[in-house]
Amino acid sequence: MGGKGANLAEMTRIGLPVPPGFTITTEVCTYYYANKRAYPKELQSQIQAGVANMEKILGKKFGDMEKPLLVAVRSGARTRCPA
């Protein structure tokens, strides 16, 4: 896990008010480069589950024009991962 993900997880663990989210670990970046720039096959369903969980918690929908779920995507790894 990169620095930002680790820090957010720790803040959540100690009870600080952190918006819901999920972390894609740095192992995915390693996998990407080791496998001809392909992502693990289970990544798509894991991302969909993470977004669905945030939608449920916040009562908003990703892509909704009336009540959109806004998402920030940040790289926190020591080296930059593909976007």
C-alpha atoms as a PDB file:
ATOM      1  CA  MET A   1       0.000   0.000   0.000  1.00  0.00           C
ATOM      2  CA  GLY A   2       1.266   3.473  -0.762  1.00  0.00           C
ATOM      3  CA  GLY A   3       1.727   6.194   1.812  1.00  0.00           C
ATOM      4  CA  LYS A   4      -1.632   7.943   1.290  1.00  0.00           C
ATOM      5  CA  GLY A   5      -3.575   4.671   1.482  1.00  0.00           C
ATOM      6  CA  ALA A   6      -1.724   3.596   4.613  1.00  0.00           C
ATOM      7  CA  ASN A   7      -2.315   6.960   6.291  1.00  0.00           C
ATOM      8  CA  LEU A   8      -6.030   6.959   5.432  1.00  0.00           C
ATOM      9  CA  ALA A   9      -6.390   3.410   6.721  1.00  0.00           C
ATOM     10  CA  GLU A  10      -4.700   4.394   9.987  1.00  0.00           C
ATOM     11  CA  MET A  11      -6.910   7.484  10.399  1.00  0.00           C
ATOM     12  CA  THR A  12      -9.974   5.276   9.843  1.00  0.00           C
ATOM     13  CA  ARG A  13      -8.673   2.717  12.358  1.00  0.00           C
ATOM     14  CA  ILE A  14      -8.328   5.345  15.098  1.00  0.00           C
ATOM     15  CA  GLY A  15     -11.803   6.738  14.440  1.00  0.00           C
ATOM     16  CA  LEU A  16     -11.138   9.994  12.578  1.00  0.00           C
ATOM     17  CA  PRO A  17     -13.902  11.123  10.211  1.00  0.00           C
ATOM     18  CA  VAL A  18     -12.513   9.939   6.863  1.00  0.00           C
ATOM     19  CA  PRO A  19     -14.724   9.677   3.765  1.00  0.00           C
ATOM     20  CA  PRO A  20     -15.284   6.095   2.614  1.00  0.00           C
ATOM     21  CA  GLY A  21     -12.942   4.736   0.004  1.00  0.00           C
ATOM     22  CA  PHE A  22     -10.751   1.835  -0.985  1.00  0.00           C
ATOM     23  CA  THR A  23      -7.105   1.315  -1.858  1.00  0.00           C
ATOM     24  CA  ILE A  24      -5.594  -0.399  -4.859  1.00  0.00           C
ATOM     25  CA  THR A  25      -2.311  -1.740  -3.535  1.00  0.00           C
ATOM     26  CA  THR A  26       1.083  -1.219  -5.093  1.00  0.00           C
ATOM     27  CA  GLU A  27       1.124  -4.947  -5.887  1.00  0.00           C
ATOM     28  CA  VAL A  28      -1.316  -4.175  -8.721  1.00  0.00           C
ATOM     29  CA  CYS A  29       1.291  -1.850 -10.235  1.00  0.00           C
ATOM     30  CA  THR A  30       3.932  -4.572  -9.965  1.00  0.00           C
ATOM     31  CA  TYR A  31       1.544  -7.085 -11.554  1.00  0.00           C
ATOM     32  CA  TYR A  32       0.756  -4.644 -14.394  1.00  0.00           C
ATOM     33  CA  TYR A  33       4.388  -4.315 -15.423  1.00  0.00           C
ATOM     34  CA  ALA A  34       5.162  -8.007 -14.956  1.00  0.00           C
ATOM     35  CA  ASN A  35       2.193  -9.089 -17.101  1.00  0.00           C
ATOM     36  CA  LYS A  36       2.509  -7.164 -20.371  1.00  0.00           C
ATOM     37  CA  ARG A  37       0.690  -4.106 -18.990  1.00  0.00           C
ATOM     38  CA  ALA A  38      -2.418  -6.073 -18.073  1.00  0.00           C
ATOM     39  CA  TYR A  39      -4.322  -5.772 -14.815  1.00  0.00           C
ATOM     40  CA  PRO A  40      -5.303  -8.758 -12.656  1.00  0.00           C
ATOM     41  CA  LYS A  41      -8.623 -10.148 -13.921  1.00  0.00           C
ATOM     42  CA  GLU A  42     -10.291  -9.721 -10.517  1.00  0.00           C
ATOM     43  CA  LEU A  43      -9.428  -5.995 -10.283  1.00  0.00           C
ATOM     44  CA  GLN A  44     -12.494  -4.791 -12.244  1.00  0.00           C
ATOM     45  CA  SER A  45     -14.979  -6.573  -9.968  1.00  0.00           C
ATOM     46  CA  GLN A  46     -13.097  -5.390  -6.863  1.00  0.00           C
ATOM     47  CA  ILE A  47     -13.261  -1.773  -8.059  1.00  0.00           C
ATOM     48  CA  GLN A  48     -16.972  -2.140  -8.838  1.00  0.00           C
ATOM     49  CA  ALA A  49     -17.564  -3.533  -5.344  1.00  0.00           C
ATOM     50  CA  GLY A  50     -15.593  -0.665  -3.779  1.00  0.00           C
ATOM     51  CA  VAL A  51     -17.567   1.966  -5.677  1.00  0.00           C
ATOM     52  CA  ALA A  52     -20.861   0.220  -4.825  1.00  0.00           C
ATOM     53  CA  ASN A  53     -19.902   0.261  -1.141  1.00  0.00           C
ATOM     54  CA  MET A  54     -19.167   4.013  -1.259  1.00  0.00           C
ATOM     55  CA  GLU A  55     -22.470   4.618  -3.073  1.00  0.00           C
ATOM     56  CA  LYS A  56     -24.340   2.715  -0.363  1.00  0.00           C
ATOM     57  CA  ILE A  57     -22.624   4.538   2.502  1.00  0.00           C
ATOM     58  CA  LEU A  58     -23.066   8.020   1.007  1.00  0.00           C
ATOM     59  CA  GLY A  59     -26.443   7.556  -0.691  1.00  0.00           C
ATOM     60  CA  LYS A  60     -25.014   8.812  -4.002  1.00  0.00           C
ATOM     61  CA  LYS A  61     -24.431   7.176  -7.379  1.00  0.00           C
ATOM     62  CA  PHE A  62     -21.299   7.323  -9.514  1.00  0.00           C
ATOM     63  CA  GLY A  63     -22.247   9.025 -12.803  1.00  0.00           C
ATOM     64  CA  ASP A  64     -25.604  10.310 -11.498  1.00  0.00           C
ATOM     65  CA  MET A  65     -26.446  13.813 -12.728  1.00  0.00           C
ATOM     66  CA  GLU A  66     -28.628  14.703  -9.722  1.00  0.00           C
ATOM     67  CA  LYS A  67     -26.671  13.277  -6.786  1.00  0.00           C
ATOM     68  CA  PRO A  68     -23.219  12.295  -8.081  1.00  0.00           C
ATOM     69  CA  LEU A  69     -20.653  10.351  -6.123  1.00  0.00           C
ATOM     70  CA  LEU A  70     -17.418  12.304  -6.461  1.00  0.00           C
ATOM     71  CA  VAL A  71     -14.242  10.229  -6.316  1.00  0.00           C
ATOM     72  CA  ALA A  72     -10.606  11.295  -5.966  1.00  0.00           C
ATOM     73  CA  VAL A  73      -7.958   8.967  -7.385  1.00  0.00           C
ATOM     74  CA  ARG A  74      -4.457   9.512  -6.064  1.00  0.00           C
ATOM     75  CA  SER A  75      -1.140   7.809  -6.438  1.00  0.00           C
ATOM     76  CA  GLY A  76       0.622   7.320  -3.135  1.00  0.00           C
ATOM     77  CA  ALA A  77       3.204   4.752  -4.140  1.00  0.00           C
ATOM     78  CA  ARG A  78       6.930   5.413  -3.992  1.00  0.00           C
ATOM     79  CA  THR A  79       6.977   5.163  -7.798  1.00  0.00           C
ATOM     80  CA  ARG A  80       4.187   6.262 -10.066  1.00  0.00           C
ATOM     81  CA  CYS A  81       1.714   3.573 -11.124  1.00  0.00           C
ATOM     82  CA  PRO A  82      -0.140   3.573 -14.472  1.00  0.00           C
ATOM     83  CA  ALA A  83      -3.380   5.515 -14.649  1.00  0.00           C
END
